[in-house]
Amino acid sequence: MIPINNPLTIKKILKNGAKLRHSEFHHAHRIDWLRAAVLGANDGIVSTSSLVIGVAAAQADLHTIPVTGVAGLVAGAVVGLL
């Protein structure tokens, strides 16, 4: 393998039609599930907390607030399965 640290060497290789080989192997394509899980969890936390804060701000009784939170979690889980 030809060292390609020099920009002139890169131009010469590309001019001759040779393809550059990438010697490193990355696993970035495997990480999509983790990104989806983190963003999905963040979305669920924000949605549920916003719902609970909205109900609490409406001065609902103390029994209604946790029931609303659980209902929001269940609804989010059901939508997540679809």
PDB file of N, CA and C in Angstrom:
ATOM      1  N   MET A   1       0.843  -1.174   0.000  1.00  0.00           N
ATOM      2  CA  MET A   1       0.000   0.000   0.000  1.00  0.00           C
ATOM      3  C   MET A   1       0.891   1.240   0.000  1.00  0.00           C
ATOM      4  N   ILE A   2       0.556   2.204  -0.795  1.00  0.00           N
ATOM      5  CA  ILE A   2       1.337   3.429  -0.945  1.00  0.00           C
ATOM      6  C   ILE A   2       0.918   4.411   0.147  1.00  0.00           C
ATOM      7  N   PRO A   3       1.898   4.983   0.867  1.00  0.00           N
ATOM      8  CA  PRO A   3       1.518   6.004   1.845  1.00  0.00           C
ATOM      9  C   PRO A   3       0.981   7.231   1.118  1.00  0.00           C
ATOM     10  N   ILE A   4      -0.112   7.754   1.579  1.00  0.00           N
ATOM     11  CA  ILE A   4      -0.751   8.866   0.871  1.00  0.00           C
ATOM     12  C   ILE A   4      -0.857  10.101   1.756  1.00  0.00           C
ATOM     13  N   ASN A   5       0.162  10.356   2.537  1.00  0.00           N
ATOM     14  CA  ASN A   5       0.154  11.523   3.407  1.00  0.00           C
ATOM     15  C   ASN A   5       0.341  12.819   2.627  1.00  0.00           C
ATOM     16  N   ASN A   6       0.966  12.747   1.481  1.00  0.00           N
ATOM     17  CA  ASN A   6       1.284  13.916   0.687  1.00  0.00           C
ATOM     18  C   ASN A   6       0.129  14.210  -0.275  1.00  0.00           C
ATOM     19  N   PRO A   7      -0.401  15.444  -0.294  1.00  0.00           N
ATOM     20  CA  PRO A   7      -1.496  15.768  -1.224  1.00  0.00           C
ATOM     21  C   PRO A   7      -1.130  15.559  -2.684  1.00  0.00           C
ATOM     22  N   LEU A   8       0.145  15.761  -3.045  1.00  0.00           N
ATOM     23  CA  LEU A   8       0.560  15.540  -4.433  1.00  0.00           C
ATOM     24  C   LEU A   8       0.467  14.067  -4.799  1.00  0.00           C
ATOM     25  N   THR A   9       0.755  13.194  -3.848  1.00  0.00           N
ATOM     26  CA  THR A   9       0.648  11.759  -4.094  1.00  0.00           C
ATOM     27  C   THR A   9      -0.808  11.376  -4.330  1.00  0.00           C
ATOM     28  N   ILE A  10      -1.714  11.968  -3.573  1.00  0.00           N
ATOM     29  CA  ILE A  10      -3.137  11.689  -3.745  1.00  0.00           C
ATOM     30  C   ILE A  10      -3.590  12.111  -5.136  1.00  0.00           C
ATOM     31  N   LYS A  11      -3.176  13.294  -5.575  1.00  0.00           N
ATOM     32  CA  LYS A  11      -3.555  13.761  -6.918  1.00  0.00           C
ATOM     33  C   LYS A  11      -3.010  12.833  -7.992  1.00  0.00           C
ATOM     34  N   LYS A  12      -1.771  12.357  -7.809  1.00  0.00           N
ATOM     35  CA  LYS A  12      -1.169  11.469  -8.794  1.00  0.00           C
ATOM     36  C   LYS A  12      -1.924  10.137  -8.846  1.00  0.00           C
ATOM     37  N   ILE A  13      -2.306   9.619  -7.699  1.00  0.00           N
ATOM     38  CA  ILE A  13      -3.038   8.352  -7.665  1.00  0.00           C
ATOM     39  C   ILE A  13      -4.400   8.515  -8.323  1.00  0.00           C
ATOM     40  N   LEU A  14      -5.101   9.595  -8.004  1.00  0.00           N
ATOM     41  CA  LEU A  14      -6.422   9.811  -8.585  1.00  0.00           C
ATOM     42  C   LEU A  14      -6.339  10.079 -10.082  1.00  0.00           C
ATOM     43  N   LYS A  15      -5.275  10.728 -10.527  1.00  0.00           N
ATOM     44  CA  LYS A  15      -5.094  11.013 -11.950  1.00  0.00           C
ATOM     45  C   LYS A  15      -4.894   9.731 -12.744  1.00  0.00           C
ATOM     46  N   ASN A  16      -4.214   8.764 -12.143  1.00  0.00           N
ATOM     47  CA  ASN A  16      -3.954   7.496 -12.830  1.00  0.00           C
ATOM     48  C   ASN A  16      -5.168   6.560 -12.777  1.00  0.00           C
ATOM     49  N   GLY A  17      -6.216   6.957 -12.095  1.00  0.00           N
ATOM     50  CA  GLY A  17      -7.423   6.138 -12.052  1.00  0.00           C
ATOM     51  C   GLY A  17      -7.414   5.081 -10.965  1.00  0.00           C
ATOM     52  N   ALA A  18      -6.405   5.069 -10.129  1.00  0.00           N
ATOM     53  CA  ALA A  18      -6.365   4.083  -9.048  1.00  0.00           C
ATOM     54  C   ALA A  18      -7.336   4.491  -7.943  1.00  0.00           C
ATOM     55  N   LYS A  19      -7.820   3.512  -7.236  1.00  0.00           N
ATOM     56  CA  LYS A  19      -8.740   3.783  -6.141  1.00  0.00           C
ATOM     57  C   LYS A  19      -7.978   3.739  -4.824  1.00  0.00           C
ATOM     58  N   LEU A  20      -8.333   4.670  -3.954  1.00  0.00           N
ATOM     59  CA  LEU A  20      -7.705   4.701  -2.642  1.00  0.00           C
ATOM     60  C   LEU A  20      -8.351   3.651  -1.747  1.00  0.00           C
ATOM     61  N   ARG A  21      -7.532   2.938  -1.035  1.00  0.00           N
ATOM     62  CA  ARG A  21      -8.048   1.947  -0.090  1.00  0.00           C
ATOM     63  C   ARG A  21      -8.087   2.564   1.290  1.00  0.00           C
ATOM     64  N   HIS A  22      -9.162   2.338   1.958  1.00  0.00           N
ATOM     65  CA  HIS A  22      -9.311   2.838   3.316  1.00  0.00           C
ATOM     66  C   HIS A  22      -8.923   1.713   4.255  1.00  0.00           C
ATOM     67  N   SER A  23      -7.876   1.906   5.027  1.00  0.00           N
ATOM     68  CA  SER A  23      -7.352   0.813   5.835  1.00  0.00           C
ATOM     69  C   SER A  23      -8.060   0.640   7.172  1.00  0.00           C
ATOM     70  N   GLU A  24      -8.912   1.579   7.548  1.00  0.00           N
ATOM     71  CA  GLU A  24      -9.606   1.464   8.829  1.00  0.00           C
ATOM     72  C   GLU A  24     -11.004   0.900   8.619  1.00  0.00           C
ATOM     73  N   PHE A  25     -11.485   0.185   9.626  1.00  0.00           N
ATOM     74  CA  PHE A  25     -12.832  -0.374   9.565  1.00  0.00           C
ATOM     75  C   PHE A  25     -13.654   0.265  10.673  1.00  0.00           C
ATOM     76  N   HIS A  26     -14.759   0.877  10.307  1.00  0.00           N
ATOM     77  CA  HIS A  26     -15.597   1.575  11.285  1.00  0.00           C
ATOM     78  C   HIS A  26     -16.904   0.822  11.494  1.00  0.00           C
ATOM     79  N   HIS A  27     -17.407   0.924  12.714  1.00  0.00           N
ATOM     80  CA  HIS A  27     -18.659   0.260  13.065  1.00  0.00           C
ATOM     81  C   HIS A  27     -19.794   1.268  13.191  1.00  0.00           C
ATOM     82  N   ALA A  28     -19.684   2.402  12.549  1.00  0.00           N
ATOM     83  CA  ALA A  28     -20.691   3.452  12.679  1.00  0.00           C
ATOM     84  C   ALA A  28     -22.044   3.020  12.138  1.00  0.00           C
ATOM     85  N   HIS A  29     -22.073   2.132  11.182  1.00  0.00           N
ATOM     86  CA  HIS A  29     -23.347   1.691  10.614  1.00  0.00           C
ATOM     87  C   HIS A  29     -24.135   0.814  11.578  1.00  0.00           C
ATOM     88  N   ARG A  30     -23.486   0.318  12.622  1.00  0.00           N
ATOM     89  CA  ARG A  30     -24.163  -0.533  13.592  1.00  0.00           C
ATOM     90  C   ARG A  30     -24.830   0.248  14.720  1.00  0.00           C
ATOM     91  N   ILE A  31     -24.612   1.518  14.809  1.00  0.00           N
ATOM     92  CA  ILE A  31     -25.029   2.303  15.956  1.00  0.00           C
ATOM     93  C   ILE A  31     -26.413   2.923  15.793  1.00  0.00           C
ATOM     94  N   ASP A  32     -27.065   2.725  14.654  1.00  0.00           N
ATOM     95  CA  ASP A  32     -28.364   3.346  14.404  1.00  0.00           C
ATOM     96  C   ASP A  32     -29.416   2.957  15.429  1.00  0.00           C
ATOM     97  N   TRP A  33     -29.405   1.709  15.889  1.00  0.00           N
ATOM     98  CA  TRP A  33     -30.399   1.272  16.868  1.00  0.00           C
ATOM     99  C   TRP A  33     -30.225   2.020  18.185  1.00  0.00           C
ATOM    100  N   LEU A  34     -28.976   2.306  18.575  1.00  0.00           N
ATOM    101  CA  LEU A  34     -28.736   3.023  19.829  1.00  0.00           C
ATOM    102  C   LEU A  34     -29.210   4.460  19.722  1.00  0.00           C
ATOM    103  N   ARG A  35     -28.950   5.093  18.601  1.00  0.00           N
ATOM    104  CA  ARG A  35     -29.414   6.458  18.403  1.00  0.00           C
ATOM    105  C   ARG A  35     -30.937   6.520  18.438  1.00  0.00           C
ATOM    106  N   ALA A  36     -31.594   5.566  17.796  1.00  0.00           N
ATOM    107  CA  ALA A  36     -33.057   5.525  17.810  1.00  0.00           C
ATOM    108  C   ALA A  36     -33.592   5.291  19.221  1.00  0.00           C
ATOM    109  N   ALA A  37     -32.936   4.438  19.986  1.00  0.00           N
ATOM    110  CA  ALA A  37     -33.386   4.164  21.351  1.00  0.00           C
ATOM    111  C   ALA A  37     -33.221   5.380  22.248  1.00  0.00           C
ATOM    112  N   VAL A  38     -32.098   6.072  22.131  1.00  0.00           N
ATOM    113  CA  VAL A  38     -31.855   7.250  22.971  1.00  0.00           C
ATOM    114  C   VAL A  38     -32.820   8.373  22.605  1.00  0.00           C
ATOM    115  N   LEU A  39     -32.992   8.629  21.322  1.00  0.00           N
ATOM    116  CA  LEU A  39     -33.919   9.686  20.912  1.00  0.00           C
ATOM    117  C   LEU A  39     -35.363   9.334  21.244  1.00  0.00           C
ATOM    118  N   GLY A  40     -35.719   8.068  21.123  1.00  0.00           N
ATOM    119  CA  GLY A  40     -37.065   7.641  21.476  1.00  0.00           C
ATOM    120  C   GLY A  40     -37.331   7.764  22.962  1.00  0.00           C
ATOM    121  N   ALA A  41     -36.354   7.388  23.777  1.00  0.00           N
ATOM    122  CA  ALA A  41     -36.513   7.522  25.227  1.00  0.00           C
ATOM    123  C   ALA A  41     -36.611   8.990  25.624  1.00  0.00           C
ATOM    124  N   ASN A  42     -35.798   9.822  25.011  1.00  0.00           N
ATOM    125  CA  ASN A  42     -35.849  11.256  25.290  1.00  0.00           C
ATOM    126  C   ASN A  42     -37.210  11.825  24.905  1.00  0.00           C
ATOM    127  N   ASP A  43     -37.739  11.402  23.782  1.00  0.00           N
ATOM    128  CA  ASP A  43     -39.050  11.862  23.342  1.00  0.00           C
ATOM    129  C   ASP A  43     -40.135  11.427  24.322  1.00  0.00           C
ATOM    130  N   GLY A  44     -40.054  10.192  24.802  1.00  0.00           N
ATOM    131  CA  GLY A  44     -41.029   9.700  25.766  1.00  0.00           C
ATOM    132  C   GLY A  44     -40.977  10.437  27.090  1.00  0.00           C
ATOM    133  N   ILE A  45     -39.765  10.729  27.552  1.00  0.00           N
ATOM    134  CA  ILE A  45     -39.610  11.454  28.818  1.00  0.00           C
ATOM    135  C   ILE A  45     -40.182  12.860  28.703  1.00  0.00           C
ATOM    136  N   VAL A  46     -39.861  13.533  27.619  1.00  0.00           N
ATOM    137  CA  VAL A  46     -40.349  14.899  27.426  1.00  0.00           C
ATOM    138  C   VAL A  46     -41.865  14.917  27.278  1.00  0.00           C
ATOM    139  N   SER A  47     -42.416  13.983  26.501  1.00  0.00           N
ATOM    140  CA  SER A  47     -43.865  13.945  26.288  1.00  0.00           C
ATOM    141  C   SER A  47     -44.607  13.672  27.593  1.00  0.00           C
ATOM    142  N   THR A  48     -44.148  12.676  28.339  1.00  0.00           N
ATOM    143  CA  THR A  48     -44.836  12.307  29.569  1.00  0.00           C
ATOM    144  C   THR A  48     -44.716  13.396  30.623  1.00  0.00           C
ATOM    145  N   SER A  49     -43.534  13.962  30.762  1.00  0.00           N
ATOM    146  CA  SER A  49     -43.373  15.027  31.758  1.00  0.00           C
ATOM    147  C   SER A  49     -44.181  16.268  31.377  1.00  0.00           C
ATOM    148  N   SER A  50     -44.270  16.567  30.093  1.00  0.00           N
ATOM    149  CA  SER A  50     -45.090  17.703  29.665  1.00  0.00           C
ATOM    150  C   SER A  50     -46.559  17.468  29.969  1.00  0.00           C
ATOM    151  N   LEU A  51     -47.007  16.249  29.762  1.00  0.00           N
ATOM    152  CA  LEU A  51     -48.399  15.912  30.065  1.00  0.00           C
ATOM    153  C   LEU A  51     -48.689  16.041  31.554  1.00  0.00           C
ATOM    154  N   VAL A  52     -47.799  15.504  32.375  1.00  0.00           N
ATOM    155  CA  VAL A  52     -47.993  15.563  33.833  1.00  0.00           C
ATOM    156  C   VAL A  52     -47.922  16.999  34.325  1.00  0.00           C
ATOM    157  N   ILE A  53     -46.986  17.776  33.819  1.00  0.00           N
ATOM    158  CA  ILE A  53     -46.864  19.177  34.243  1.00  0.00           C
ATOM    159  C   ILE A  53     -48.095  19.972  33.817  1.00  0.00           C
ATOM    160  N   GLY A  54     -48.615  19.683  32.621  1.00  0.00           N
ATOM    161  CA  GLY A  54     -49.820  20.369  32.164  1.00  0.00           C
ATOM    162  C   GLY A  54     -51.024  20.059  33.029  1.00  0.00           C
ATOM    163  N   VAL A  55     -51.174  18.801  33.422  1.00  0.00           N
ATOM    164  CA  VAL A  55     -52.291  18.420  34.285  1.00  0.00           C
ATOM    165  C   VAL A  55     -52.119  19.011  35.674  1.00  0.00           C
ATOM    166  N   ALA A  56     -50.897  19.011  36.175  1.00  0.00           N
ATOM    167  CA  ALA A  56     -50.655  19.588  37.501  1.00  0.00           C
ATOM    168  C   ALA A  56     -50.875  21.096  37.487  1.00  0.00           C
ATOM    169  N   ALA A  57     -50.536  21.756  36.380  1.00  0.00           N
ATOM    170  CA  ALA A  57     -50.735  23.201  36.283  1.00  0.00           C
ATOM    171  C   ALA A  57     -52.211  23.561  36.212  1.00  0.00           C
ATOM    172  N   ALA A  58     -53.031  22.621  35.782  1.00  0.00           N
ATOM    173  CA  ALA A  58     -54.474  22.856  35.723  1.00  0.00           C
ATOM    174  C   ALA A  58     -55.126  22.652  37.092  1.00  0.00           C
ATOM    175  N   GLN A  59     -54.317  22.441  38.097  1.00  0.00           N
ATOM    176  CA  GLN A  59     -54.743  22.270  39.490  1.00  0.00           C
ATOM    177  C   GLN A  59     -55.691  21.095  39.655  1.00  0.00           C
ATOM    178  N   ALA A  60     -55.314  19.955  39.042  1.00  0.00           N
ATOM    179  CA  ALA A  60     -56.085  18.728  39.215  1.00  0.00           C
ATOM    180  C   ALA A  60     -55.792  18.149  40.589  1.00  0.00           C
ATOM    181  N   ASP A  61     -56.652  17.252  41.048  1.00  0.00           N
ATOM    182  CA  ASP A  61     -56.424  16.651  42.365  1.00  0.00           C
ATOM    183  C   ASP A  61     -55.220  15.711  42.308  1.00  0.00           C
ATOM    184  N   LEU A  62     -54.703  15.342  43.472  1.00  0.00           N
ATOM    185  CA  LEU A  62     -53.446  14.593  43.552  1.00  0.00           C
ATOM    186  C   LEU A  62     -53.561  13.175  42.998  1.00  0.00           C
ATOM    187  N   HIS A  63     -54.739  12.640  42.918  1.00  0.00           N
ATOM    188  CA  HIS A  63     -54.904  11.297  42.370  1.00  0.00           C
ATOM    189  C   HIS A  63     -54.856  11.311  40.838  1.00  0.00           C
ATOM    190  N   THR A  64     -55.269  12.378  40.242  1.00  0.00           N
ATOM    191  CA  THR A  64     -55.342  12.465  38.779  1.00  0.00           C
ATOM    192  C   THR A  64     -53.959  12.587  38.140  1.00  0.00           C
ATOM    193  N   ILE A  65     -53.032  13.225  38.818  1.00  0.00           N
ATOM    194  CA  ILE A  65     -51.705  13.487  38.232  1.00  0.00           C
ATOM    195  C   ILE A  65     -50.941  12.186  37.965  1.00  0.00           C
ATOM    196  N   PRO A  66     -50.787  11.267  38.931  1.00  0.00           N
ATOM    197  CA  PRO A  66     -50.070  10.018  38.595  1.00  0.00           C
ATOM    198  C   PRO A  66     -50.829   9.137  37.597  1.00  0.00           C
ATOM    199  N   VAL A  67     -52.163   9.161  37.659  1.00  0.00           N
ATOM    200  CA  VAL A  67     -52.938   8.388  36.692  1.00  0.00           C
ATOM    201  C   VAL A  67     -52.682   8.907  35.282  1.00  0.00           C
ATOM    202  N   THR A  68     -52.586  10.221  35.147  1.00  0.00           N
ATOM    203  CA  THR A  68     -52.277  10.815  33.845  1.00  0.00           C
ATOM    204  C   THR A  68     -50.892  10.400  33.365  1.00  0.00           C
ATOM    205  N   GLY A  69     -49.915  10.378  34.274  1.00  0.00           N
ATOM    206  CA  GLY A  69     -48.560   9.955  33.902  1.00  0.00           C
ATOM    207  C   GLY A  69     -48.511   8.519  33.425  1.00  0.00           C
ATOM    208  N   VAL A  70     -49.208   7.637  34.142  1.00  0.00           N
ATOM    209  CA  VAL A  70     -49.234   6.226  33.746  1.00  0.00           C
ATOM    210  C   VAL A  70     -49.964   6.063  32.408  1.00  0.00           C
ATOM    211  N   ALA A  71     -51.060   6.798  32.234  1.00  0.00           N
ATOM    212  CA  ALA A  71     -51.791   6.728  30.967  1.00  0.00           C
ATOM    213  C   ALA A  71     -50.921   7.219  29.810  1.00  0.00           C
ATOM    214  N   GLY A  72     -50.140   8.264  30.038  1.00  0.00           N
ATOM    215  CA  GLY A  72     -49.233   8.758  29.005  1.00  0.00           C
ATOM    216  C   GLY A  72     -48.146   7.752  28.669  1.00  0.00           C
ATOM    217  N   LEU A  73     -47.609   7.068  29.690  1.00  0.00           N
ATOM    218  CA  LEU A  73     -46.596   6.041  29.443  1.00  0.00           C
ATOM    219  C   LEU A  73     -47.167   4.868  28.652  1.00  0.00           C
ATOM    220  N   VAL A  74     -48.358   4.432  29.021  1.00  0.00           N
ATOM    221  CA  VAL A  74     -48.986   3.319  28.309  1.00  0.00           C
ATOM    222  C   VAL A  74     -49.290   3.709  26.863  1.00  0.00           C
ATOM    223  N   ALA A  75     -49.816   4.908  26.678  1.00  0.00           N
ATOM    224  CA  ALA A  75     -50.130   5.365  25.316  1.00  0.00           C
ATOM    225  C   ALA A  75     -48.858   5.457  24.471  1.00  0.00           C
ATOM    226  N   GLY A  76     -47.779   5.960  25.052  1.00  0.00           N
ATOM    227  CA  GLY A  76     -46.525   6.048  24.319  1.00  0.00           C
ATOM    228  C   GLY A  76     -45.967   4.679  23.976  1.00  0.00           C
ATOM    229  N   ALA A  77     -46.118   3.717  24.892  1.00  0.00           N
ATOM    230  CA  ALA A  77     -45.634   2.359  24.635  1.00  0.00           C
ATOM    231  C   ALA A  77     -46.454   1.684  23.542  1.00  0.00           C
ATOM    232  N   VAL A  78     -47.768   1.907  23.541  1.00  0.00           N
ATOM    233  CA  VAL A  78     -48.626   1.296  22.532  1.00  0.00           C
ATOM    234  C   VAL A  78     -48.321   1.871  21.154  1.00  0.00           C
ATOM    235  N   VAL A  79     -48.128   3.179  21.083  1.00  0.00           N
ATOM    236  CA  VAL A  79     -47.788   3.811  19.809  1.00  0.00           C
ATOM    237  C   VAL A  79     -46.419   3.357  19.341  1.00  0.00           C
ATOM    238  N   GLY A  80     -45.503   3.135  20.284  1.00  0.00           N
ATOM    239  CA  GLY A  80     -44.163   2.661  19.931  1.00  0.00           C
ATOM    240  C   GLY A  80     -44.159   1.267  19.341  1.00  0.00           C
ATOM    241  N   LEU A  81     -45.166   0.459  19.673  1.00  0.00           N
ATOM    242  CA  LEU A  81     -45.239  -0.901  19.134  1.00  0.00           C
ATOM    243  C   LEU A  81     -45.784  -0.936  17.715  1.00  0.00           C
ATOM    244  N   LEU A  82     -46.474   0.107  17.313  1.00  0.00           N
ATOM    245  CA  LEU A  82     -47.091   0.117  15.984  1.00  0.00           C
ATOM    246  C   LEU A  82     -46.096   0.374  14.906  1.00  0.00           C
TER     247      LEU A  82
END
